[in-house]
C-alpha atoms as a PDB file:
ATOM      1  CA  MET A   1     -44.478 -14.526  96.219  1.00  0.00           C
ATOM      2  CA  ALA A   2     -42.695 -13.171  99.249  1.00  0.00           C
ATOM      3  CA  GLU A   3     -41.254  -9.716  99.597  1.00  0.00           C
ATOM      4  CA  LEU A   4     -37.769  -9.164  98.239  1.00  0.00           C
ATOM      5  CA  PRO A   5     -35.318 -10.984 100.477  1.00  0.00           C
ATOM      6  CA  THR A   6     -32.086  -9.368 101.668  1.00  0.00           C
ATOM      7  CA  PHE A   7     -29.203  -9.689  99.191  1.00  0.00           C
ATOM      8  CA  LEU A   8     -25.610  -8.865  99.656  1.00  0.00           C
ATOM      9  CA  SER A   9     -24.687  -5.865  97.485  1.00  0.00           C
ATOM     10  CA  ALA A  10     -21.514  -3.964  96.832  1.00  0.00           C
ATOM     11  CA  ARG A  11     -22.527  -1.563  99.552  1.00  0.00           C
ATOM     12  CA  ASP A  12     -22.392  -4.247 102.172  1.00  0.00           C
ATOM     13  CA  VAL A  13     -18.818  -5.116 101.334  1.00  0.00           C
ATOM     14  CA  GLY A  14     -15.964  -3.220 102.918  1.00  0.00           C
ATOM     15  CA  PRO A  15     -12.843  -1.641 101.332  1.00  0.00           C
ATOM     16  CA  PRO A  16     -11.019  -2.189  99.070  1.00  0.00           C
ATOM     17  CA  ILE A  17     -13.670  -3.842  96.861  1.00  0.00           C
ATOM     18  CA  HIS A  18     -16.879  -2.069  97.953  1.00  0.00           C
ATOM     19  CA  ASP A  19     -16.683   0.324  95.009  1.00  0.00           C
ATOM     20  CA  PHE A  20     -14.648  -1.745  92.573  1.00  0.00           C
ATOM     21  CA  ASP A  21     -15.965  -2.001  89.061  1.00  0.00           C
ATOM     22  CA  VAL A  22     -14.180  -4.502  86.848  1.00  0.00           C
ATOM     23  CA  PHE A  23     -15.718  -2.789  83.784  1.00  0.00           C
ATOM     24  CA  LYS A  24     -14.715   0.797  84.642  1.00  0.00           C
ATOM     25  CA  GLU A  25     -11.760   0.967  82.230  1.00  0.00           C
ATOM     26  CA  SER A  26     -13.921  -0.046  79.273  1.00  0.00           C
ATOM     27  CA  LYS A  27     -16.749   2.318  80.258  1.00  0.00           C
ATOM     28  CA  ASP A  28     -14.339   5.278  80.609  1.00  0.00           C
ATOM     29  CA  GLU A  29     -12.705   4.450  77.243  1.00  0.00           C
ATOM     30  CA  ASN A  30     -16.098   4.471  75.586  1.00  0.00           C
ATOM     31  CA  PHE A  31     -16.812   7.932  76.953  1.00  0.00           C
ATOM     32  CA  PHE A  32     -13.440   9.465  76.058  1.00  0.00           C
ATOM     33  CA  GLU A  33     -13.386   7.977  72.579  1.00  0.00           C
ATOM     34  CA  SER A  34     -16.853   9.493  71.964  1.00  0.00           C
ATOM     35  CA  GLN A  35     -15.887  13.031  72.990  1.00  0.00           C
ATOM     36  CA  GLU A  36     -16.292  14.577  69.621  1.00  0.00           C
ATOM     37  CA  SER A  37     -19.791  13.124  69.144  1.00  0.00           C
ATOM     38  CA  ILE A  38     -20.691  14.137  72.760  1.00  0.00           C
ATOM     39  CA  ALA A  39     -19.618  17.699  72.087  1.00  0.00           C
ATOM     40  CA  MET A  40     -21.734  17.778  68.893  1.00  0.00           C
ATOM     41  CA  LEU A  41     -24.839  16.616  70.808  1.00  0.00           C
ATOM     42  CA  CYS A  42     -24.285  19.077  73.628  1.00  0.00           C
ATOM     43  CA  SER A  43     -23.796  21.832  71.067  1.00  0.00           C
ATOM     44  CA  TYR A  44     -26.949  20.881  69.257  1.00  0.00           C
ATOM     45  CA  LEU A  45     -28.976  21.011  72.463  1.00  0.00           C
ATOM     46  CA  GLN A  46     -27.543  24.305  73.651  1.00  0.00           C
ATOM     47  CA  GLN A  47     -28.019  25.980  70.241  1.00  0.00           C
ATOM     48  CA  LEU A  48     -31.761  25.199  70.044  1.00  0.00           C
ATOM     49  CA  PRO A  49     -33.993  28.352  70.214  1.00  0.00           C
ATOM     50  CA  ARG A  50     -34.615  29.384  73.836  1.00  0.00           C
ATOM     51  CA  PRO A  51     -36.711  29.090  75.835  1.00  0.00           C
ATOM     52  CA  LEU A  52     -37.573  25.620  74.557  1.00  0.00           C
ATOM     53  CA  LYS A  53     -40.974  25.667  76.210  1.00  0.00           C
ATOM     54  CA  ASP A  54     -42.020  28.403  73.831  1.00  0.00           C
ATOM     55  CA  LEU A  55     -41.176  26.539  70.667  1.00  0.00           C
ATOM     56  CA  GLU A  56     -43.969  26.163  68.059  1.00  0.00           C
ATOM     57  CA  GLU A  57     -45.728  22.829  68.581  1.00  0.00           C
ATOM     58  CA  ASN A  58     -44.480  21.353  65.281  1.00  0.00           C
ATOM     59  CA  GLN A  59     -40.897  22.343  66.061  1.00  0.00           C
ATOM     60  CA  LEU A  60     -41.145  21.005  69.578  1.00  0.00           C
ATOM     61  CA  LYS A  61     -42.435  17.697  68.226  1.00  0.00           C
ATOM     62  CA  ASP A  62     -39.697  17.577  65.562  1.00  0.00           C
ATOM     63  CA  GLU A  63     -36.886  18.190  68.091  1.00  0.00           C
ATOM     64  CA  LEU A  64     -38.386  15.585  70.498  1.00  0.00           C
ATOM     65  CA  PHE A  65     -38.426  13.016  67.716  1.00  0.00           C
ATOM     66  CA  LYS A  66     -34.806  13.807  66.827  1.00  0.00           C
ATOM     67  CA  LEU A  67     -33.615  13.365  70.403  1.00  0.00           C
ATOM     68  CA  LEU A  68     -35.655  10.201  70.889  1.00  0.00           C
ATOM     69  CA  GLN A  69     -33.902   8.781  67.861  1.00  0.00           C
ATOM     70  CA  VAL A  70     -30.512   9.889  69.167  1.00  0.00           C
ATOM     71  CA  SER A  71     -31.289   7.981  72.397  1.00  0.00           C
ATOM     72  CA  LEU A  72     -32.359   4.930  70.341  1.00  0.00           C
ATOM     73  CA  TRP A  73     -29.193   4.728  68.229  1.00  0.00           C
ATOM     74  CA  GLY A  74     -27.060   5.483  71.249  1.00  0.00           C
ATOM     75  CA  ASN A  75     -28.160   2.016  72.367  1.00  0.00           C
ATOM     76  CA  LYS A  76     -25.979   0.588  69.624  1.00  0.00           C
ATOM     77  CA  CYS A  77     -22.923   1.519  71.716  1.00  0.00           C
ATOM     78  CA  ASP A  78     -22.992  -1.579  73.857  1.00  0.00           C
ATOM     79  CA  LEU A  79     -19.858  -3.216  75.205  1.00  0.00           C
ATOM     80  CA  SER A  80     -21.643  -6.519  75.667  1.00  0.00           C
ATOM     81  CA  LEU A  81     -22.380  -6.650  71.939  1.00  0.00           C
ATOM     82  CA  SER A  82     -18.785  -5.738  71.053  1.00  0.00           C
ATOM     83  CA  GLY A  83     -17.254  -8.255  73.446  1.00  0.00           C
ATOM     84  CA  GLY A  84     -15.754  -5.452  75.463  1.00  0.00           C
ATOM     85  CA  GLU A  85     -14.013  -3.985  72.365  1.00  0.00           C
ATOM     86  CA  SER A  86     -14.445  -0.282  71.586  1.00  0.00           C
ATOM     87  CA  SER A  87     -18.065   0.638  70.965  1.00  0.00           C
ATOM     88  CA  SER A  88     -17.609   4.397  70.967  1.00  0.00           C
ATOM     89  CA  GLN A  89     -19.499   6.820  68.808  1.00  0.00           C
ATOM     90  CA  LYS A  90     -17.300   8.860  66.469  1.00  0.00           C
ATOM     91  CA  THR A  91     -19.820  10.491  64.067  1.00  0.00           C
ATOM     92  CA  ASN A  92     -22.464  13.150  64.331  1.00  0.00           C
ATOM     93  CA  VAL A  93     -25.529  10.988  65.017  1.00  0.00           C
ATOM     94  CA  ILE A  94     -27.905  13.944  64.367  1.00  0.00           C
ATOM     95  CA  SER A  95     -26.846  14.047  60.721  1.00  0.00           C
ATOM     96  CA  SER A  96     -27.424  10.285  60.342  1.00  0.00           C
ATOM     97  CA  LEU A  97     -31.045  10.217  61.596  1.00  0.00           C
ATOM     98  CA  GLU A  98     -32.743  10.384  58.183  1.00  0.00           C
ATOM     99  CA  ASP A  99     -30.624   7.535  56.877  1.00  0.00           C
ATOM    100  CA  LEU A 100     -31.383   5.444  59.935  1.00  0.00           C
ATOM    101  CA  LYS A 101     -35.213   5.918  59.915  1.00  0.00           C
ATOM    102  CA  PRO A 102     -35.852   2.872  57.645  1.00  0.00           C
ATOM    103  CA  PHE A 103     -34.279   0.641  60.332  1.00  0.00           C
ATOM    104  CA  ILE A 104     -36.877   1.569  62.925  1.00  0.00           C
ATOM    105  CA  ILE A 105     -39.250  -1.409  62.595  1.00  0.00           C
ATOM    106  CA  VAL A 106     -41.793  -0.313  65.274  1.00  0.00           C
ATOM    107  CA  ASN A 107     -42.241   3.378  65.589  1.00  0.00           C
ATOM    108  CA  ASP A 108     -44.660   4.538  68.284  1.00  0.00           C
ATOM    109  CA  MET A 109     -43.129   8.042  68.583  1.00  0.00           C
ATOM    110  CA  GLU A 110     -46.475   9.625  67.660  1.00  0.00           C
ATOM    111  CA  CYS A 111     -47.969   7.920  70.794  1.00  0.00           C
ATOM    112  CA  LEU A 112     -45.150   9.398  72.892  1.00  0.00           C
ATOM    113  CA  TRP A 113     -45.799  12.851  71.495  1.00  0.00           C
ATOM    114  CA  SER A 114     -49.533  12.529  72.141  1.00  0.00           C
ATOM    115  CA  LEU A 115     -48.924  11.564  75.758  1.00  0.00           C
ATOM    116  CA  LEU A 116     -46.159  14.126  76.468  1.00  0.00           C
ATOM    117  CA  SER A 117     -47.958  17.017  74.803  1.00  0.00           C
ATOM    118  CA  LYS A 118     -50.996  16.234  77.034  1.00  0.00           C
ATOM    119  CA  CYS A 119     -48.610  16.153  80.008  1.00  0.00           C
ATOM    120  CA  LYS A 120     -47.240  19.527  79.042  1.00  0.00           C
ATOM    121  CA  LYS A 121     -50.657  21.014  79.200  1.00  0.00           C
ATOM    122  CA  THR A 122     -51.067  19.399  82.633  1.00  0.00           C
ATOM    123  CA  SER A 123     -47.773  20.879  83.790  1.00  0.00           C
ATOM    124  CA  GLU A 124     -49.022  24.347  82.948  1.00  0.00           C
ATOM    125  CA  LYS A 125     -51.555  23.790  85.732  1.00  0.00           C
ATOM    126  CA  ALA A 126     -48.717  23.263  88.237  1.00  0.00           C
ATOM    127  CA  ALA A 127     -48.991  19.492  88.296  1.00  0.00           C
ATOM    128  CA  VAL A 128     -45.949  17.228  88.534  1.00  0.00           C
ATOM    129  CA  VAL A 129     -45.176  15.553  85.194  1.00  0.00           C
ATOM    130  CA  ARG A 130     -42.715  12.784  85.942  1.00  0.00           C
ATOM    131  CA  VAL A 131     -40.806  10.831  83.287  1.00  0.00           C
ATOM    132  CA  ASP A 132     -38.707   7.796  84.409  1.00  0.00           C
ATOM    133  CA  ILE A 133     -35.785   6.384  82.413  1.00  0.00           C
ATOM    134  CA  VAL A 134     -34.638   2.862  83.134  1.00  0.00           C
ATOM    135  CA  LEU A 135     -31.028   3.181  81.943  1.00  0.00           C
ATOM    136  CA  ASP A 136     -28.947   0.714  80.029  1.00  0.00           C
ATOM    137  CA  ASN A 137     -25.361   1.470  79.036  1.00  0.00           C
ATOM    138  CA  SER A 138     -22.947   4.083  80.318  1.00  0.00           C
ATOM    139  CA  GLY A 139     -20.620   5.970  77.968  1.00  0.00           C
ATOM    140  CA  PHE A 140     -22.129   7.480  74.854  1.00  0.00           C
ATOM    141  CA  GLU A 141     -25.574   6.031  75.375  1.00  0.00           C
ATOM    142  CA  LEU A 142     -25.910   7.580  78.819  1.00  0.00           C
ATOM    143  CA  ILE A 143     -25.076  10.952  77.257  1.00  0.00           C
ATOM    144  CA  THR A 144     -27.907  10.533  74.731  1.00  0.00           C
ATOM    145  CA  ASP A 145     -30.287   9.741  77.633  1.00  0.00           C
ATOM    146  CA  LEU A 146     -29.144  12.810  79.578  1.00  0.00           C
ATOM    147  CA  ILE A 147     -29.546  15.010  76.485  1.00  0.00           C
ATOM    148  CA  LEU A 148     -33.092  13.708  76.035  1.00  0.00           C
ATOM    149  CA  ALA A 149     -33.808  14.242  79.744  1.00  0.00           C
ATOM    150  CA  ASP A 150     -32.550  17.809  79.557  1.00  0.00           C
ATOM    151  CA  PHE A 151     -34.729  18.521  76.545  1.00  0.00           C
ATOM    152  CA  LEU A 152     -37.846  17.066  78.288  1.00  0.00           C
ATOM    153  CA  LEU A 153     -37.247  19.232  81.312  1.00  0.00           C
ATOM    154  CA  SER A 154     -36.262  22.457  79.423  1.00  0.00           C
ATOM    155  CA  SER A 155     -39.224  22.117  77.082  1.00  0.00           C
ATOM    156  CA  GLU A 156     -41.574  21.476  80.048  1.00  0.00           C
ATOM    157  CA  LEU A 157     -42.701  18.253  78.502  1.00  0.00           C
ATOM    158  CA  ALA A 158     -41.716  16.944  81.941  1.00  0.00           C
ATOM    159  CA  THR A 159     -41.224  18.681  85.286  1.00  0.00           C
ATOM    160  CA  GLU A 160     -38.911  15.986  86.806  1.00  0.00           C
ATOM    161  CA  ILE A 161     -36.933  13.055  85.487  1.00  0.00           C
ATOM    162  CA  HIS A 162     -36.187   9.962  87.535  1.00  0.00           C
ATOM    163  CA  PHE A 163     -33.295   7.687  86.410  1.00  0.00           C
ATOM    164  CA  HIS A 164     -33.007   4.052  87.380  1.00  0.00           C
ATOM    165  CA  GLY A 165     -29.609   2.332  87.275  1.00  0.00           C
ATOM    166  CA  LYS A 166     -27.876  -0.835  88.545  1.00  0.00           C
ATOM    167  CA  MET A 167     -26.968  -1.159  92.236  1.00  0.00           C
ATOM    168  CA  ILE A 168     -23.804  -3.135  91.357  1.00  0.00           C
ATOM    169  CA  PRO A 169     -21.444  -3.336  88.332  1.00  0.00           C
ATOM    170  CA  TRP A 170     -23.217  -6.049  86.363  1.00  0.00           C
ATOM    171  CA  PHE A 171     -23.460  -6.430  82.628  1.00  0.00           C
ATOM    172  CA  VAL A 172     -20.278  -4.927  81.169  1.00  0.00           C
ATOM    173  CA  SER A 173     -21.444  -1.361  80.520  1.00  0.00           C
ATOM    174  CA  ASP A 174     -24.563  -0.994  82.674  1.00  0.00           C
ATOM    175  CA  VAL A 175     -24.961   2.327  84.480  1.00  0.00           C
ATOM    176  CA  THR A 176     -24.292   2.542  88.213  1.00  0.00           C
ATOM    177  CA  VAL A 177     -24.571   5.619  90.383  1.00  0.00           C
ATOM    178  CA  HIS A 178     -20.787   6.060  90.118  1.00  0.00           C
ATOM    179  CA  ASP A 179     -21.077   6.080  86.297  1.00  0.00           C
ATOM    180  CA  PHE A 180     -23.951   8.501  86.418  1.00  0.00           C
ATOM    181  CA  ASN A 181     -22.176  11.036  88.667  1.00  0.00           C
ATOM    182  CA  TRP A 182     -18.774  10.530  86.973  1.00  0.00           C
ATOM    183  CA  THR A 183     -20.238  11.229  83.539  1.00  0.00           C
ATOM    184  CA  ILE A 184     -21.838  14.456  84.647  1.00  0.00           C
ATOM    185  CA  GLU A 185     -18.579  15.513  86.293  1.00  0.00           C
ATOM    186  CA  GLN A 186     -16.623  14.806  83.073  1.00  0.00           C
ATOM    187  CA  VAL A 187     -19.065  16.807  80.986  1.00  0.00           C
ATOM    188  CA  LYS A 188     -19.045  19.678  83.420  1.00  0.00           C
ATOM    189  CA  HIS A 189     -15.239  19.913  83.406  1.00  0.00           C
ATOM    190  CA  SER A 190     -14.892  19.658  79.564  1.00  0.00           C
ATOM    191  CA  ASN A 191     -12.822  22.252  77.749  1.00  0.00           C
ATOM    192  CA  HIS A 192     -15.667  22.529  75.248  1.00  0.00           C
ATOM    193  CA  GLU A 193     -17.831  25.413  76.377  1.00  0.00           C
ATOM    194  CA  LEU A 194     -21.225  24.109  75.289  1.00  0.00           C
ATOM    195  CA  MET A 195     -20.471  20.639  76.581  1.00  0.00           C
ATOM    196  CA  SER A 196     -19.416  22.103  79.929  1.00  0.00           C
ATOM    197  CA  THR A 197     -22.642  24.153  80.070  1.00  0.00           C
ATOM    198  CA  CYS A 198     -24.650  20.943  79.779  1.00  0.00           C
ATOM    199  CA  GLY A 199     -22.687  19.455  82.649  1.00  0.00           C
ATOM    200  CA  VAL A 200     -23.300  22.500  84.874  1.00  0.00           C
ATOM    201  CA  ASN A 201     -26.979  22.412  84.025  1.00  0.00           C
ATOM    202  CA  TRP A 202     -27.220  18.653  84.801  1.00  0.00           C
ATOM    203  CA  GLU A 203     -25.481  19.068  88.150  1.00  0.00           C
ATOM    204  CA  ASN A 204     -27.930  21.838  88.967  1.00  0.00           C
ATOM    205  CA  TYR A 205     -30.927  19.747  88.016  1.00  0.00           C
ATOM    206  CA  ILE A 206     -29.740  17.150  90.586  1.00  0.00           C
ATOM    207  CA  LYS A 207     -29.170  19.850  93.236  1.00  0.00           C
ATOM    208  CA  ILE A 208     -32.661  21.279  92.916  1.00  0.00           C
ATOM    209  CA  GLY A 209     -34.314  17.859  92.760  1.00  0.00           C
ATOM    210  CA  ARG A 210     -35.488  17.928  89.142  1.00  0.00           C
ATOM    211  CA  TRP A 211     -33.263  14.936  88.293  1.00  0.00           C
ATOM    212  CA  ILE A 212     -33.358  12.075  90.728  1.00  0.00           C
ATOM    213  CA  TYR A 213     -31.271   8.878  90.482  1.00  0.00           C
ATOM    214  CA  HIS A 214     -32.525   5.563  91.911  1.00  0.00           C
ATOM    215  CA  ASP A 215     -31.079   2.123  92.097  1.00  0.00           C
ATOM    216  CA  HIS A 216     -32.635  -1.147  93.279  1.00  0.00           C
ATOM    217  CA  ILE A 217     -31.338  -4.664  93.542  1.00  0.00           C
ATOM    218  CA  PHE A 218     -34.337  -5.910  91.516  1.00  0.00           C
ATOM    219  CA  TRP A 219     -32.716  -4.682  88.286  1.00  0.00           C
ATOM    220  CA  THR A 220     -29.972  -7.345  88.726  1.00  0.00           C
ATOM    221  CA  LEU A 221     -32.230 -10.195  89.831  1.00  0.00           C
ATOM    222  CA  PRO A 222     -33.397 -12.909  87.415  1.00  0.00           C
ATOM    223  CA  HIS A 223     -37.107 -12.069  87.547  1.00  0.00           C
ATOM    224  CA  SER A 224     -39.254 -10.935  84.604  1.00  0.00           C
ATOM    225  CA  TYR A 225     -40.758  -7.499  85.208  1.00  0.00           C
ATOM    226  CA  CYS A 226     -44.223  -8.883  85.532  1.00  0.00           C
ATOM    227  CA  ALA A 227     -43.094 -10.338  88.892  1.00  0.00           C
ATOM    228  CA  MET A 228     -42.131  -6.899  90.237  1.00  0.00           C
ATOM    229  CA  PRO A 229     -45.363  -6.216  92.083  1.00  0.00           C
ATOM    230  CA  GLN A 230     -44.763  -9.327  94.203  1.00  0.00           C
ATOM    231  CA  VAL A 231     -40.944  -9.412  94.389  1.00  0.00           C
ATOM    232  CA  ALA A 232     -40.190  -5.667  94.693  1.00  0.00           C
ATOM    233  CA  SER A 233     -43.458  -3.896  95.546  1.00  0.00           C
ATOM    234  CA  ASP A 234     -41.574  -0.722  96.661  1.00  0.00           C
ATOM    235  CA  LEU A 235     -39.995  -0.359  93.213  1.00  0.00           C
ATOM    236  CA  TYR A 236     -43.303  -1.020  91.424  1.00  0.00           C
ATOM    237  CA  ALA A 237     -45.021   1.581  93.604  1.00  0.00           C
ATOM    238  CA  GLU A 238     -42.231   4.046  92.675  1.00  0.00           C
ATOM    239  CA  LEU A 239     -42.709   3.418  88.922  1.00  0.00           C
ATOM    240  CA  GLN A 240     -46.471   3.932  89.322  1.00  0.00           C
ATOM    241  CA  LYS A 241     -45.770   7.554  90.126  1.00  0.00           C
ATOM    242  CA  ALA A 242     -44.520   8.186  86.586  1.00  0.00           C
ATOM    243  CA  CYS A 243     -46.443   9.663  83.699  1.00  0.00           C
ATOM    244  CA  LEU A 244     -44.230   7.735  81.306  1.00  0.00           C
ATOM    245  CA  ILE A 245     -41.420   5.213  81.706  1.00  0.00           C
ATOM    246  CA  PHE A 246     -38.709   4.696  79.116  1.00  0.00           C
ATOM    247  CA  PHE A 247     -37.017   1.272  79.270  1.00  0.00           C
ATOM    248  CA  LYS A 248     -33.677   1.489  77.439  1.00  0.00           C
ATOM    249  CA  GLY A 249     -31.975  -1.361  75.742  1.00  0.00           C
ATOM    250  CA  ASP A 250     -32.199  -5.033  74.964  1.00  0.00           C
ATOM    251  CA  LEU A 251     -32.033  -6.670  78.358  1.00  0.00           C
ATOM    252  CA  ASN A 252     -34.841  -4.515  79.705  1.00  0.00           C
ATOM    253  CA  TYR A 253     -36.894  -5.529  76.639  1.00  0.00           C
ATOM    254  CA  ARG A 254     -36.247  -9.204  77.316  1.00  0.00           C
ATOM    255  CA  LYS A 255     -37.351  -8.854  80.893  1.00  0.00           C
ATOM    256  CA  LEU A 256     -40.404  -6.832  79.874  1.00  0.00           C
ATOM    257  CA  ALA A 257     -41.431  -9.742  77.647  1.00  0.00           C
ATOM    258  CA  GLY A 258     -40.389 -12.430  80.112  1.00  0.00           C
ATOM    259  CA  ASP A 259     -37.597 -13.657  77.796  1.00  0.00           C
ATOM    260  CA  ARG A 260     -40.123 -16.028  76.199  1.00  0.00           C
ATOM    261  CA  LYS A 261     -40.304 -17.305  72.599  1.00  0.00           C
ATOM    262  CA  TRP A 262     -43.280 -15.082  71.632  1.00  0.00           C
ATOM    263  CA  GLY A 263     -44.550 -15.019  68.074  1.00  0.00           C
ATOM    264  CA  PHE A 264     -43.432 -11.928  66.215  1.00  0.00           C
ATOM    265  CA  THR A 265     -47.027 -10.655  65.838  1.00  0.00           C
ATOM    266  CA  VAL A 266     -48.010 -11.079  69.480  1.00  0.00           C
ATOM    267  CA  PRO A 267     -49.075  -7.619  70.809  1.00  0.00           C
ATOM    268  CA  PHE A 268     -46.610  -5.876  73.068  1.00  0.00           C
ATOM    269  CA  HIS A 269     -49.311  -5.433  75.678  1.00  0.00           C
ATOM    270  CA  GLN A 270     -49.892  -9.180  75.822  1.00  0.00           C
ATOM    271  CA  ALA A 271     -46.089  -9.938  76.137  1.00  0.00           C
ATOM    272  CA  LEU A 272     -45.883  -7.592  79.171  1.00  0.00           C
ATOM    273  CA  SER A 273     -48.000 -10.212  81.100  1.00  0.00           C
ATOM    274  CA  GLY A 274     -49.670  -7.711  83.309  1.00  0.00           C
ATOM    275  CA  PHE A 275     -46.714  -5.375  83.920  1.00  0.00           C
ATOM    276  CA  HIS A 276     -48.401  -1.978  83.605  1.00  0.00           C
ATOM    277  CA  PRO A 277     -47.158   0.395  86.352  1.00  0.00           C
ATOM    278  CA  ALA A 278     -47.618   3.378  84.004  1.00  0.00           C
ATOM    279  CA  PRO A 279     -47.522   4.113  80.337  1.00  0.00           C
ATOM    280  CA  LEU A 280     -44.184   2.756  79.090  1.00  0.00           C
ATOM    281  CA  CYS A 281     -42.023   2.652  75.975  1.00  0.00           C
ATOM    282  CA  SER A 282     -39.145   0.333  75.112  1.00  0.00           C
ATOM    283  CA  ILE A 283     -36.355   2.182  73.236  1.00  0.00           C
ATOM    284  CA  ARG A 284     -34.164  -0.653  71.985  1.00  0.00           C
ATOM    285  CA  THR A 285     -31.833  -1.773  69.185  1.00  0.00           C
ATOM    286  CA  LEU A 286     -32.331  -5.437  68.552  1.00  0.00           C
ATOM    287  CA  LYS A 287     -29.568  -7.690  69.963  1.00  0.00           C
ATOM    288  CA  ALA A 288     -31.509 -10.772  71.059  1.00  0.00           C
ATOM    289  CA  GLU A 289     -33.855 -13.238  69.341  1.00  0.00           C
ATOM    290  CA  LEU A 290     -36.989 -11.727  70.791  1.00  0.00           C
ATOM    291  CA  GLN A 291     -39.375  -9.238  69.219  1.00  0.00           C
ATOM    292  CA  VAL A 292     -43.107  -8.771  69.447  1.00  0.00           C
ATOM    293  CA  GLY A 293     -45.688  -6.375  67.979  1.00  0.00           C
ATOM    294  CA  LEU A 294     -44.691  -6.722  64.304  1.00  0.00           C
ATOM    295  CA  ARG A 295     -47.134  -6.575  61.385  1.00  0.00           C
ATOM    296  CA  PRO A 296     -47.994  -9.907  59.721  1.00  0.00           C
ATOM    297  CA  GLY A 297     -45.228 -10.811  57.284  1.00  0.00           C
ATOM    298  CA  GLN A 298     -42.823  -8.121  58.586  1.00  0.00           C
ATOM    299  CA  ALA A 299     -40.472 -10.593  60.303  1.00  0.00           C
ATOM    300  CA  GLU A 300     -40.386 -12.790  57.196  1.00  0.00           C
ATOM    301  CA  GLN A 301     -39.420  -9.789  55.065  1.00  0.00           C
ATOM    302  CA  LEU A 302     -36.699  -8.814  57.440  1.00  0.00           C
ATOM    303  CA  MET A 303     -35.341 -12.355  57.564  1.00  0.00           C
ATOM    304  CA  ALA A 304     -35.250 -12.561  53.743  1.00  0.00           C
ATOM    305  CA  SER A 305     -33.216  -9.354  53.479  1.00  0.00           C
ATOM    306  CA  GLU A 306     -31.246  -9.483  56.762  1.00  0.00           C
ATOM    307  CA  PRO A 307     -30.895 -13.048  58.198  1.00  0.00           C
ATOM    308  CA  THR A 308     -29.261 -11.595  61.370  1.00  0.00           C
ATOM    309  CA  TRP A 309     -31.807  -8.794  61.835  1.00  0.00           C
ATOM    310  CA  LEU A 310     -32.619  -9.855  65.422  1.00  0.00           C
ATOM    311  CA  THR A 311     -29.107  -9.703  66.875  1.00  0.00           C
ATOM    312  CA  THR A 312     -26.835  -7.129  65.270  1.00  0.00           C
ATOM    313  CA  GLY A 313     -28.241  -3.880  66.724  1.00  0.00           C
ATOM    314  CA  LYS A 314     -28.937  -2.618  63.205  1.00  0.00           C
ATOM    315  CA  PHE A 315     -32.700  -2.341  63.769  1.00  0.00           C
ATOM    316  CA  GLY A 316     -34.511  -0.478  66.485  1.00  0.00           C
ATOM    317  CA  VAL A 317     -37.960   0.056  68.042  1.00  0.00           C
ATOM    318  CA  PHE A 318     -39.969   2.636  69.899  1.00  0.00           C
ATOM    319  CA  GLN A 319     -42.634   0.271  71.316  1.00  0.00           C
ATOM    320  CA  PHE A 320     -45.337   1.896  73.484  1.00  0.00           C
ATOM    321  CA  ASP A 321     -47.943   0.473  75.809  1.00  0.00           C
ATOM    322  CA  GLY A 322     -50.489   2.455  77.690  1.00  0.00           C
ATOM    323  CA  PRO A 323     -53.524   4.729  77.369  1.00  0.00           C
ATOM    324  CA  LEU A 324     -53.091   8.092  75.600  1.00  0.00           C
END
């Protein structure tokens, strides 16, 4: 396949539509309606024992697992699933985690801990430990991703975080660079002290180069991710620099698996069809009729108890691929 051709993007269009986002009002509403839950998450993060890097190993693991789950269930706040209606978060998601655990149908968090704890030991030798997050939705979900990223950095499980968003407003609530920067500004200027502290910290991470935002037109093209080495070799090379890549959300999962009708028990590694830039993990609530890597009989059990289990966002996965 040829190198990525030149595409017209929002940046190539002049005023007044060069920065117009038809979904902005819905995105902003999701953020503002979730303020109470956002403040609770920021407070939780800020009130963890400091410095985070000195937490006992079991406590560090426990807190990582909590914030991974927060990021997972944040993916339920999807304007495309709600038809553009309110999808805000109005409860304390931390207090709901135990009740939600049974709905995680693939749980590779132990693999993530094994990899990240090894990375932490590497970082103590002054090596760069890079974690990439391929973002999905703005609003409350983006906050959960930023909270997770802050924890990874503060605990020294990672030394830098690279975020990947959409180059143009695309799928209702997808993150663009405007959404990313706007969200941090809103958190920074909050009247809630601990929420504002998070925003100040996040802005500083960007200033000192510990948080880096990327966008690329490939994320809004129709290709499966296994085509990335040929279609967008520059992006693939960038992802290869990561120690771990999180792919958030349902559409990223579909493109990881080529949007094919795989059998439910097909291994995740096989469904990736050769896409292996670095160890990767899909963090996704199920909203499309595609799921791989299940145990024999698991899909049938789910179907018997929840006929719509594939599409409602009720169930989630942490699905890992890569060496440990």
